Amino acid sequence: MEAGAQEADAGSFSGDVNPITSAASSMKHIIQASEERGIDASVMRAAEGLARRVIGLGHGRDDFLRITDLLTPR
């Protein structure tokens, strides 16, 4: 199993390498660039929305895999 998946399974989401705030910023840029060129960015926009929700919940320093908490039924 990939290290990131192992972290997610263990409930650990270290953002030491790439915090979700950085990922969300990159997604925003990709969305803008795509839409300027007429490319549908709806899937990326949905992913950015999830990232922004995670950041809003106080997990901005965690890795992008933190979104699994929003996607996993409890």
PDB file of N, CA and C in Angstrom:
ATOM      1  N   MET A   1       0.844  -1.170   0.000  1.00  0.00           N
ATOM      2  CA  MET A   1       0.000   0.000   0.000  1.00  0.00           C
ATOM      3  C   MET A   1       0.897   1.242   0.000  1.00  0.00           C
ATOM      4  N   GLU A   2       0.507   2.257  -0.755  1.00  0.00           N
ATOM      5  CA  GLU A   2       1.257   3.511  -0.832  1.00  0.00           C
ATOM      6  C   GLU A   2       1.306   4.180   0.543  1.00  0.00           C
ATOM      7  N   ALA A   3       2.395   4.899   0.816  1.00  0.00           N
ATOM      8  CA  ALA A   3       2.580   5.541   2.118  1.00  0.00           C
ATOM      9  C   ALA A   3       1.428   6.484   2.442  1.00  0.00           C
ATOM     10  N   GLY A   4       0.972   7.266   1.460  1.00  0.00           N
ATOM     11  CA  GLY A   4      -0.138   8.189   1.704  1.00  0.00           C
ATOM     12  C   GLY A   4      -1.407   7.459   2.095  1.00  0.00           C
ATOM     13  N   ALA A   5      -1.681   6.348   1.454  1.00  0.00           N
ATOM     14  CA  ALA A   5      -2.868   5.551   1.795  1.00  0.00           C
ATOM     15  C   ALA A   5      -2.731   4.963   3.186  1.00  0.00           C
ATOM     16  N   GLN A   6      -1.540   4.550   3.546  1.00  0.00           N
ATOM     17  CA  GLN A   6      -1.307   4.023   4.894  1.00  0.00           C
ATOM     18  C   GLN A   6      -1.556   5.104   5.941  1.00  0.00           C
ATOM     19  N   GLU A   7      -1.105   6.325   5.655  1.00  0.00           N
ATOM     20  CA  GLU A   7      -1.357   7.435   6.574  1.00  0.00           C
ATOM     21  C   GLU A   7      -2.852   7.660   6.731  1.00  0.00           C
ATOM     22  N   ALA A   8      -3.581   7.657   5.620  1.00  0.00           N
ATOM     23  CA  ALA A   8      -5.018   7.885   5.665  1.00  0.00           C
ATOM     24  C   ALA A   8      -5.702   6.800   6.488  1.00  0.00           C
ATOM     25  N   ASP A   9      -5.318   5.549   6.272  1.00  0.00           N
ATOM     26  CA  ASP A   9      -5.901   4.453   7.034  1.00  0.00           C
ATOM     27  C   ASP A   9      -5.633   4.605   8.521  1.00  0.00           C
ATOM     28  N   ALA A  10      -4.471   5.157   8.862  1.00  0.00           N
ATOM     29  CA  ALA A  10      -4.094   5.342  10.263  1.00  0.00           C
ATOM     30  C   ALA A  10      -4.659   6.640  10.846  1.00  0.00           C
ATOM     31  N   GLY A  11      -5.299   7.472  10.002  1.00  0.00           N
ATOM     32  CA  GLY A  11      -5.846   8.735  10.476  1.00  0.00           C
ATOM     33  C   GLY A  11      -4.811   9.836  10.586  1.00  0.00           C
ATOM     34  N   SER A  12      -3.669   9.656   9.950  1.00  0.00           N
ATOM     35  CA  SER A  12      -2.594  10.649   9.962  1.00  0.00           C
ATOM     36  C   SER A  12      -2.513  11.306   8.590  1.00  0.00           C
ATOM     37  N   PHE A  13      -2.445  12.636   8.570  1.00  0.00           N
ATOM     38  CA  PHE A  13      -2.451  13.353   7.303  1.00  0.00           C
ATOM     39  C   PHE A  13      -1.368  14.426   7.304  1.00  0.00           C
ATOM     40  N   SER A  14      -0.126  14.022   7.455  1.00  0.00           N
ATOM     41  CA  SER A  14       0.983  14.960   7.510  1.00  0.00           C
ATOM     42  C   SER A  14       1.066  15.781   6.235  1.00  0.00           C
ATOM     43  N   GLY A  15       1.117  17.088   6.404  1.00  0.00           N
ATOM     44  CA  GLY A  15       1.247  17.970   5.256  1.00  0.00           C
ATOM     45  C   GLY A  15       2.645  18.552   5.153  1.00  0.00           C
ATOM     46  N   ASP A  16       3.629  17.817   5.687  1.00  0.00           N
ATOM     47  CA  ASP A  16       5.005  18.308   5.692  1.00  0.00           C
ATOM     48  C   ASP A  16       5.508  18.631   4.290  1.00  0.00           C
ATOM     49  N   VAL A  17       5.166  17.821   3.312  1.00  0.00           N
ATOM     50  CA  VAL A  17       5.670  18.012   1.959  1.00  0.00           C
ATOM     51  C   VAL A  17       4.787  18.976   1.180  1.00  0.00           C
ATOM     52  N   ASN A  18       3.473  18.795   1.248  1.00  0.00           N
ATOM     53  CA  ASN A  18       2.553  19.608   0.467  1.00  0.00           C
ATOM     54  C   ASN A  18       1.246  19.784   1.243  1.00  0.00           C
ATOM     55  N   PRO A  19       1.129  20.866   2.018  1.00  0.00           N
ATOM     56  CA  PRO A  19      -0.110  21.064   2.775  1.00  0.00           C
ATOM     57  C   PRO A  19      -1.291  21.324   1.846  1.00  0.00           C
ATOM     58  N   ILE A  20      -2.476  21.037   2.323  1.00  0.00           N
ATOM     59  CA  ILE A  20      -3.675  21.179   1.504  1.00  0.00           C
ATOM     60  C   ILE A  20      -3.894  22.627   1.062  1.00  0.00           C
ATOM     61  N   THR A  21      -3.388  23.595   1.819  1.00  0.00           N
ATOM     62  CA  THR A  21      -3.507  24.988   1.399  1.00  0.00           C
ATOM     63  C   THR A  21      -2.768  25.218   0.081  1.00  0.00           C
ATOM     64  N   SER A  22      -1.624  24.586  -0.063  1.00  0.00           N
ATOM     65  CA  SER A  22      -0.859  24.690  -1.305  1.00  0.00           C
ATOM     66  C   SER A  22      -1.604  24.017  -2.450  1.00  0.00           C
ATOM     67  N   ALA A  23      -2.167  22.855  -2.177  1.00  0.00           N
ATOM     68  CA  ALA A  23      -2.922  22.124  -3.201  1.00  0.00           C
ATOM     69  C   ALA A  23      -4.131  22.940  -3.658  1.00  0.00           C
ATOM     70  N   ALA A  24      -4.840  23.558  -2.710  1.00  0.00           N
ATOM     71  CA  ALA A  24      -6.018  24.352  -3.059  1.00  0.00           C
ATOM     72  C   ALA A  24      -5.629  25.553  -3.917  1.00  0.00           C
ATOM     73  N   SER A  25      -4.522  26.167  -3.592  1.00  0.00           N
ATOM     74  CA  SER A  25      -4.032  27.301  -4.384  1.00  0.00           C
ATOM     75  C   SER A  25      -3.706  26.864  -5.810  1.00  0.00           C
ATOM     76  N   SER A  26      -3.061  25.712  -5.935  1.00  0.00           N
ATOM     77  CA  SER A  26      -2.733  25.179  -7.259  1.00  0.00           C
ATOM     78  C   SER A  26      -3.999  24.860  -8.050  1.00  0.00           C
ATOM     79  N   MET A  27      -4.985  24.277  -7.376  1.00  0.00           N
ATOM     80  CA  MET A  27      -6.242  23.943  -8.050  1.00  0.00           C
ATOM     81  C   MET A  27      -6.936  25.200  -8.553  1.00  0.00           C
ATOM     82  N   LYS A  28      -6.913  26.263  -7.748  1.00  0.00           N
ATOM     83  CA  LYS A  28      -7.539  27.517  -8.166  1.00  0.00           C
ATOM     84  C   LYS A  28      -6.890  28.025  -9.452  1.00  0.00           C
ATOM     85  N   HIS A  29      -5.577  27.959  -9.510  1.00  0.00           N
ATOM     86  CA  HIS A  29      -4.850  28.389 -10.703  1.00  0.00           C
ATOM     87  C   HIS A  29      -5.219  27.523 -11.920  1.00  0.00           C
ATOM     88  N   ILE A  30      -5.277  26.217 -11.723  1.00  0.00           N
ATOM     89  CA  ILE A  30      -5.626  25.304 -12.816  1.00  0.00           C
ATOM     90  C   ILE A  30      -7.047  25.576 -13.310  1.00  0.00           C
ATOM     91  N   ILE A  31      -7.966  25.832 -12.388  1.00  0.00           N
ATOM     92  CA  ILE A  31      -9.354  26.134 -12.761  1.00  0.00           C
ATOM     93  C   ILE A  31      -9.410  27.397 -13.607  1.00  0.00           C
ATOM     94  N   GLN A  32      -8.740  28.442 -13.142  1.00  0.00           N
ATOM     95  CA  GLN A  32      -8.749  29.700 -13.893  1.00  0.00           C
ATOM     96  C   GLN A  32      -8.150  29.522 -15.287  1.00  0.00           C
ATOM     97  N   ALA A  33      -7.010  28.864 -15.361  1.00  0.00           N
ATOM     98  CA  ALA A  33      -6.350  28.659 -16.652  1.00  0.00           C
ATOM     99  C   ALA A  33      -7.211  27.805 -17.583  1.00  0.00           C
ATOM    100  N   SER A  34      -7.851  26.784 -17.034  1.00  0.00           N
ATOM    101  CA  SER A  34      -8.705  25.911 -17.847  1.00  0.00           C
ATOM    102  C   SER A  34      -9.897  26.671 -18.400  1.00  0.00           C
ATOM    103  N   GLU A  35     -10.583  27.385 -17.522  1.00  0.00           N
ATOM    104  CA  GLU A  35     -11.787  28.091 -17.950  1.00  0.00           C
ATOM    105  C   GLU A  35     -11.474  29.201 -18.952  1.00  0.00           C
ATOM    106  N   GLU A  36     -10.314  29.829 -18.823  1.00  0.00           N
ATOM    107  CA  GLU A  36      -9.908  30.843 -19.804  1.00  0.00           C
ATOM    108  C   GLU A  36      -9.745  30.231 -21.191  1.00  0.00           C
ATOM    109  N   ARG A  37      -9.477  28.940 -21.234  1.00  0.00           N
ATOM    110  CA  ARG A  37      -9.274  28.247 -22.506  1.00  0.00           C
ATOM    111  C   ARG A  37     -10.495  27.433 -22.930  1.00  0.00           C
ATOM    112  N   GLY A  38     -11.592  27.611 -22.200  1.00  0.00           N
ATOM    113  CA  GLY A  38     -12.831  26.931 -22.549  1.00  0.00           C
ATOM    114  C   GLY A  38     -12.888  25.475 -22.134  1.00  0.00           C
ATOM    115  N   ILE A  39     -12.049  25.084 -21.205  1.00  0.00           N
ATOM    116  CA  ILE A  39     -12.016  23.697 -20.734  1.00  0.00           C
ATOM    117  C   ILE A  39     -12.895  23.558 -19.498  1.00  0.00           C
ATOM    118  N   ASP A  40     -13.708  22.525 -19.478  1.00  0.00           N
ATOM    119  CA  ASP A  40     -14.580  22.254 -18.329  1.00  0.00           C
ATOM    120  C   ASP A  40     -13.733  21.912 -17.107  1.00  0.00           C
ATOM    121  N   ALA A  41     -13.867  22.682 -16.059  1.00  0.00           N
ATOM    122  CA  ALA A  41     -13.085  22.466 -14.838  1.00  0.00           C
ATOM    123  C   ALA A  41     -13.979  22.075 -13.668  1.00  0.00           C
ATOM    124  N   SER A  42     -15.151  21.517 -13.963  1.00  0.00           N
ATOM    125  CA  SER A  42     -16.104  21.224 -12.891  1.00  0.00           C
ATOM    126  C   SER A  42     -15.591  20.189 -11.897  1.00  0.00           C
ATOM    127  N   VAL A  43     -14.869  19.189 -12.355  1.00  0.00           N
ATOM    128  CA  VAL A  43     -14.337  18.178 -11.432  1.00  0.00           C
ATOM    129  C   VAL A  43     -13.267  18.803 -10.541  1.00  0.00           C
ATOM    130  N   MET A  44     -12.395  19.612 -11.135  1.00  0.00           N
ATOM    131  CA  MET A  44     -11.366  20.283 -10.347  1.00  0.00           C
ATOM    132  C   MET A  44     -11.999  21.270  -9.371  1.00  0.00           C
ATOM    133  N   ARG A  45     -13.068  21.940  -9.800  1.00  0.00           N
ATOM    134  CA  ARG A  45     -13.764  22.881  -8.923  1.00  0.00           C
ATOM    135  C   ARG A  45     -14.366  22.133  -7.723  1.00  0.00           C
ATOM    136  N   ALA A  46     -14.899  20.938  -7.947  1.00  0.00           N
ATOM    137  CA  ALA A  46     -15.447  20.134  -6.840  1.00  0.00           C
ATOM    138  C   ALA A  46     -14.335  19.730  -5.884  1.00  0.00           C
ATOM    139  N   ALA A  47     -13.187  19.324  -6.412  1.00  0.00           N
ATOM    140  CA  ALA A  47     -12.052  18.951  -5.557  1.00  0.00           C
ATOM    141  C   ALA A  47     -11.563  20.150  -4.764  1.00  0.00           C
ATOM    142  N   GLU A  48     -11.518  21.314  -5.399  1.00  0.00           N
ATOM    143  CA  GLU A  48     -11.101  22.522  -4.683  1.00  0.00           C
ATOM    144  C   GLU A  48     -12.091  22.844  -3.565  1.00  0.00           C
ATOM    145  N   GLY A  49     -13.369  22.652  -3.847  1.00  0.00           N
ATOM    146  CA  GLY A  49     -14.384  22.895  -2.819  1.00  0.00           C
ATOM    147  C   GLY A  49     -14.179  22.014  -1.603  1.00  0.00           C
ATOM    148  N   LEU A  50     -13.865  20.747  -1.838  1.00  0.00           N
ATOM    149  CA  LEU A  50     -13.584  19.847  -0.719  1.00  0.00           C
ATOM    150  C   LEU A  50     -12.350  20.303   0.045  1.00  0.00           C
ATOM    151  N   ALA A  51     -11.320  20.708  -0.692  1.00  0.00           N
ATOM    152  CA  ALA A  51     -10.096  21.184  -0.037  1.00  0.00           C
ATOM    153  C   ALA A  51     -10.395  22.409   0.815  1.00  0.00           C
ATOM    154  N   ARG A  52     -11.182  23.333   0.295  1.00  0.00           N
ATOM    155  CA  ARG A  52     -11.529  24.550   1.046  1.00  0.00           C
ATOM    156  C   ARG A  52     -12.345  24.214   2.294  1.00  0.00           C
ATOM    157  N   ARG A  53     -13.221  23.210   2.203  1.00  0.00           N
ATOM    158  CA  ARG A  53     -13.985  22.789   3.388  1.00  0.00           C
ATOM    159  C   ARG A  53     -13.048  22.247   4.464  1.00  0.00           C
ATOM    160  N   VAL A  54     -12.080  21.437   4.050  1.00  0.00           N
ATOM    161  CA  VAL A  54     -11.114  20.870   5.001  1.00  0.00           C
ATOM    162  C   VAL A  54     -10.307  21.993   5.659  1.00  0.00           C
ATOM    163  N   ILE A  55      -9.883  22.952   4.853  1.00  0.00           N
ATOM    164  CA  ILE A  55      -9.140  24.091   5.402  1.00  0.00           C
ATOM    165  C   ILE A  55     -10.012  24.846   6.404  1.00  0.00           C
ATOM    166  N   GLY A  56     -11.266  25.059   6.047  1.00  0.00           N
ATOM    167  CA  GLY A  56     -12.204  25.739   6.936  1.00  0.00           C
ATOM    168  C   GLY A  56     -12.438  25.003   8.251  1.00  0.00           C
ATOM    169  N   LEU A  57     -12.256  23.704   8.233  1.00  0.00           N
ATOM    170  CA  LEU A  57     -12.406  22.901   9.452  1.00  0.00           C
ATOM    171  C   LEU A  57     -11.134  22.900  10.300  1.00  0.00           C
ATOM    172  N   GLY A  58     -10.130  23.658   9.858  1.00  0.00           N
ATOM    173  CA  GLY A  58      -8.913  23.799  10.645  1.00  0.00           C
ATOM    174  C   GLY A  58      -7.796  22.836  10.302  1.00  0.00           C
ATOM    175  N   HIS A  59      -7.860  22.219   9.130  1.00  0.00           N
ATOM    176  CA  HIS A  59      -6.851  21.226   8.752  1.00  0.00           C
ATOM    177  C   HIS A  59      -5.962  21.694   7.600  1.00  0.00           C
ATOM    178  N   GLY A  60      -5.728  22.990   7.508  1.00  0.00           N
ATOM    179  CA  GLY A  60      -4.954  23.548   6.414  1.00  0.00           C
ATOM    180  C   GLY A  60      -3.515  23.082   6.331  1.00  0.00           C
ATOM    181  N   ARG A  61      -2.964  22.618   7.433  1.00  0.00           N
ATOM    182  CA  ARG A  61      -1.575  22.152   7.424  1.00  0.00           C
ATOM    183  C   ARG A  61      -1.466  20.657   7.128  1.00  0.00           C
ATOM    184  N   ASP A  62      -2.622  20.006   6.950  1.00  0.00           N
ATOM    185  CA  ASP A  62      -2.625  18.575   6.653  1.00  0.00           C
ATOM    186  C   ASP A  62      -2.448  18.343   5.161  1.00  0.00           C
ATOM    187  N   ASP A  63      -2.192  17.096   4.808  1.00  0.00           N
ATOM    188  CA  ASP A  63      -2.054  16.670   3.417  1.00  0.00           C
ATOM    189  C   ASP A  63      -3.428  16.635   2.755  1.00  0.00           C
ATOM    190  N   PHE A  64      -3.438  16.660   1.412  1.00  0.00           N
ATOM    191  CA  PHE A  64      -4.685  16.622   0.647  1.00  0.00           C
ATOM    192  C   PHE A  64      -5.546  15.413   0.991  1.00  0.00           C
ATOM    193  N   LEU A  65      -4.927  14.331   1.417  1.00  0.00           N
ATOM    194  CA  LEU A  65      -5.708  13.125   1.744  1.00  0.00           C
ATOM    195  C   LEU A  65      -6.698  13.351   2.878  1.00  0.00           C
ATOM    196  N   ARG A  66      -6.580  14.472   3.589  1.00  0.00           N
ATOM    197  CA  ARG A  66      -7.527  14.780   4.656  1.00  0.00           C
ATOM    198  C   ARG A  66      -8.953  14.834   4.114  1.00  0.00           C
ATOM    199  N   ILE A  67      -9.127  15.082   2.821  1.00  0.00           N
ATOM    200  CA  ILE A  67     -10.483  15.134   2.276  1.00  0.00           C
ATOM    201  C   ILE A  67     -11.196  13.799   2.405  1.00  0.00           C
ATOM    202  N   THR A  68     -10.454  12.719   2.626  1.00  0.00           N
ATOM    203  CA  THR A  68     -11.116  11.422   2.792  1.00  0.00           C
ATOM    204  C   THR A  68     -12.062  11.452   3.972  1.00  0.00           C
ATOM    205  N   ASP A  69     -11.791  12.295   4.970  1.00  0.00           N
ATOM    206  CA  ASP A  69     -12.718  12.422   6.103  1.00  0.00           C
ATOM    207  C   ASP A  69     -14.091  12.911   5.657  1.00  0.00           C
ATOM    208  N   LEU A  70     -14.115  13.782   4.649  1.00  0.00           N
ATOM    209  CA  LEU A  70     -15.386  14.299   4.143  1.00  0.00           C
ATOM    210  C   LEU A  70     -16.098  13.286   3.269  1.00  0.00           C
ATOM    211  N   LEU A  71     -15.350  12.398   2.654  1.00  0.00           N
ATOM    212  CA  LEU A  71     -15.909  11.443   1.707  1.00  0.00           C
ATOM    213  C   LEU A  71     -16.284  10.104   2.339  1.00  0.00           C
ATOM    214  N   THR A  72     -15.781   9.874   3.553  1.00  0.00           N
ATOM    215  CA  THR A  72     -15.989   8.592   4.219  1.00  0.00           C
ATOM    216  C   THR A  72     -17.218   8.668   5.129  1.00  0.00           C
ATOM    217  N   PRO A  73     -18.235   7.848   4.866  1.00  0.00           N
ATOM    218  CA  PRO A  73     -19.407   7.855   5.735  1.00  0.00           C
ATOM    219  C   PRO A  73     -19.047   7.404   7.154  1.00  0.00           C
ATOM    220  N   ARG A  74     -19.678   7.996   8.098  1.00  0.00           N
ATOM    221  CA  ARG A  74     -19.399   7.660   9.517  1.00  0.00           C
ATOM    222  C   ARG A  74     -20.510   6.842  10.098  1.00  0.00           C
TER     223      ARG A  74
END
